[in-house]
């Protein structure tokens, strides 16, 4: 299915079922499978196809204090997109915040999926990480959806 950036973002919200997510009872592996399916099934119009990095997924986690409220375990996924005739990328995705006590001190981790043919491998590697293992089945503190329109 081919969609505009705006419609792809709206579709993503439905795909990961944002309206029904319960931070107390997240199924992280199901959410990640939904992200993979969105990436594989949704083609976005207007991408700069001359740029090999025009459509990629980024998964990352670590302990951060972005708000001054103390460190939390942050896990995020973003679909980064470069469009024709625009200098900067846009993205959509989410960040989930967990109590740091679930993971303790943990090394930061990030993994790019640079092409759709690598999506299965990308997801398999992520699911095996210590961060995912430690927070799977644990209640989250917050789930934030993110959108950055391209410039």
Protein backbone atom coordinates (compact mmCIF):
# COMPACT_ATOMS: atom_id res chain seq x y z
CA UNK A 1 0.00 0.00 0.00
CA UNK A 2 1.41 3.42 -0.98
CA UNK A 3 0.64 6.33 1.36
CA UNK A 4 1.65 9.93 1.97
CA UNK A 5 3.83 10.62 5.01
CA UNK A 6 0.80 11.90 6.95
CA UNK A 7 -1.36 8.90 6.08
CA UNK A 8 1.53 6.50 6.79
CA UNK A 9 1.85 8.00 10.27
CA UNK A 10 -1.90 7.66 10.87
CA UNK A 11 -1.75 4.06 9.62
CA UNK A 12 1.20 3.38 11.96
CA UNK A 13 -0.84 4.55 14.95
CA UNK A 14 -3.57 2.07 14.00
CA UNK A 15 -1.06 -0.71 13.28
CA UNK A 16 0.51 -0.53 16.73
CA UNK A 17 -2.98 0.06 18.19
CA UNK A 18 -2.03 3.22 20.12
CA UNK A 19 -5.59 3.87 21.29
CA UNK A 20 -5.75 0.51 23.04
CA UNK A 21 -2.22 0.33 24.48
CA UNK A 22 -2.07 -0.15 28.22
CA UNK A 23 1.32 0.86 29.64
CA UNK A 24 0.74 -1.47 32.58
CA UNK A 25 0.48 -4.47 30.26
CA UNK A 26 2.45 -3.92 27.04
CA UNK A 27 3.22 -6.81 24.73
CA UNK A 28 6.54 -5.47 23.49
CA UNK A 29 7.23 -8.32 21.06
CA UNK A 30 3.80 -7.88 19.44
CA UNK A 31 4.40 -4.12 19.12
CA UNK A 32 7.78 -4.75 17.49
CA UNK A 33 6.24 -7.25 15.04
CA UNK A 34 3.66 -4.60 14.14
CA UNK A 35 6.47 -2.10 13.50
CA UNK A 36 8.16 -4.59 11.18
CA UNK A 37 4.93 -5.22 9.28
CA UNK A 38 4.32 -1.49 8.89
CA UNK A 39 7.81 -1.10 7.45
CA UNK A 40 7.34 -4.00 5.03
CA UNK A 41 3.81 -3.22 3.90
CA UNK A 42 3.61 0.59 3.79
CA UNK A 43 5.36 2.30 0.92
CA UNK A 44 5.61 6.07 1.38
CA UNK A 45 5.24 8.40 -1.59
CA UNK A 46 7.73 11.11 -2.41
CA UNK A 47 10.83 9.44 -1.00
CA UNK A 48 14.23 10.40 -2.39
CA UNK A 49 14.96 7.08 -4.06
CA UNK A 50 18.44 8.29 -5.04
CA UNK A 51 19.30 8.27 -1.33
CA UNK A 52 20.04 4.70 -0.18
CA UNK A 53 19.02 5.74 3.36
CA UNK A 54 15.61 7.11 2.30
CA UNK A 55 13.59 4.63 4.40
CA UNK A 56 15.11 2.99 7.47
CA UNK A 57 14.13 1.80 10.93
CA UNK A 58 16.09 2.67 14.07
CA UNK A 59 15.70 0.77 17.32
CA UNK A 60 17.58 1.99 20.39
CA UNK A 61 17.55 1.83 24.15
CA UNK A 62 19.48 2.97 27.19
CA UNK A 63 19.19 4.67 30.56
CA UNK A 64 18.64 8.40 30.07
CA UNK A 65 17.40 11.44 31.96
CA UNK A 66 15.99 13.70 29.24
CA UNK A 67 13.55 15.52 31.55
CA UNK A 68 15.53 16.07 34.76
CA UNK A 69 13.26 13.60 36.60
CA UNK A 70 15.92 10.93 37.01
CA UNK A 71 17.16 8.16 34.76
CA UNK A 72 14.62 5.89 33.12
CA UNK A 73 15.12 3.02 30.72
CA UNK A 74 14.12 4.47 27.33
CA UNK A 75 13.31 2.20 24.39
CA UNK A 76 12.49 3.80 21.06
CA UNK A 77 11.72 2.91 17.47
CA UNK A 78 11.69 5.40 14.61
CA UNK A 79 11.02 5.08 10.89
CA UNK A 80 13.35 7.65 9.33
CA UNK A 81 12.53 8.99 5.88
CA UNK A 82 14.23 11.27 3.36
CA UNK A 83 12.03 12.94 0.76
CA UNK A 84 12.75 14.44 -2.66
CA UNK A 85 13.77 18.12 -2.60
CA UNK A 86 14.03 18.27 1.21
CA UNK A 87 17.28 18.62 3.13
CA UNK A 88 16.32 17.05 6.43
CA UNK A 89 14.64 13.76 7.21
CA UNK A 90 11.34 13.17 8.89
CA UNK A 91 10.36 10.30 11.14
CA UNK A 92 7.62 8.73 13.16
CA UNK A 93 7.75 6.22 15.94
CA UNK A 94 7.53 5.92 19.69
CA UNK A 95 9.45 5.89 22.95
CA UNK A 96 8.55 3.71 25.91
CA UNK A 97 9.81 4.60 29.38
CA UNK A 98 10.40 1.93 32.03
CA UNK A 99 11.60 2.05 35.62
CA UNK A 100 15.38 1.77 35.48
CA UNK A 101 15.28 -0.80 38.30
CA UNK A 102 14.04 -3.42 35.81
CA UNK A 103 17.30 -3.28 33.88
CA UNK A 104 19.86 -1.78 36.26
CA UNK A 105 22.99 -0.46 34.63
CA UNK A 106 22.85 -1.42 30.99
CA UNK A 107 24.87 -0.61 27.90
CA UNK A 108 23.15 1.53 25.30
CA UNK A 109 22.06 -0.38 22.22
CA UNK A 110 21.01 0.69 18.74
CA UNK A 111 20.26 -1.19 15.55
CA UNK A 112 19.40 0.18 12.10
CA UNK A 113 17.35 -1.68 9.52
CA UNK A 114 18.54 -0.16 6.25
CA UNK A 115 16.47 -2.19 3.80
CA UNK A 116 13.25 -4.15 3.88
CA UNK A 117 14.97 -7.43 3.07
CA UNK A 118 16.79 -7.17 6.44
CA UNK A 119 13.65 -6.62 8.56
CA UNK A 120 13.38 -10.19 9.86
CA UNK A 121 17.04 -10.30 10.87
CA UNK A 122 16.75 -6.83 12.47
CA UNK A 123 13.78 -7.90 14.60
CA UNK A 124 15.36 -11.23 15.59
CA UNK A 125 18.53 -9.47 16.81
CA UNK A 126 16.50 -6.93 18.79
CA UNK A 127 14.35 -9.58 20.47
CA UNK A 128 17.49 -11.31 21.76
CA UNK A 129 18.92 -8.22 23.47
CA UNK A 130 19.24 -8.06 27.23
CA UNK A 131 17.18 -4.85 27.38
CA UNK A 132 14.17 -6.46 25.70
CA UNK A 133 14.49 -9.56 27.87
CA UNK A 134 14.52 -7.47 31.06
CA UNK A 135 11.47 -5.31 30.26
CA UNK A 136 9.28 -7.84 28.40
CA UNK A 137 6.13 -8.27 30.46
CA UNK A 138 6.98 -5.40 32.81
CA UNK A 139 4.72 -2.35 33.17
CA UNK A 140 5.92 0.79 31.43
CA UNK A 141 5.75 4.26 32.95
CA UNK A 142 4.84 6.02 29.73
CA UNK A 143 4.38 5.44 26.00
CA UNK A 144 4.97 8.48 23.77
CA UNK A 145 4.28 8.64 20.06
CA UNK A 146 6.68 10.82 18.06
CA UNK A 147 6.38 12.61 14.74
CA UNK A 148 8.93 14.87 13.07
CA UNK A 149 7.81 16.31 9.77
CA UNK A 150 10.56 16.55 7.14
CA UNK A 151 12.00 19.97 6.20
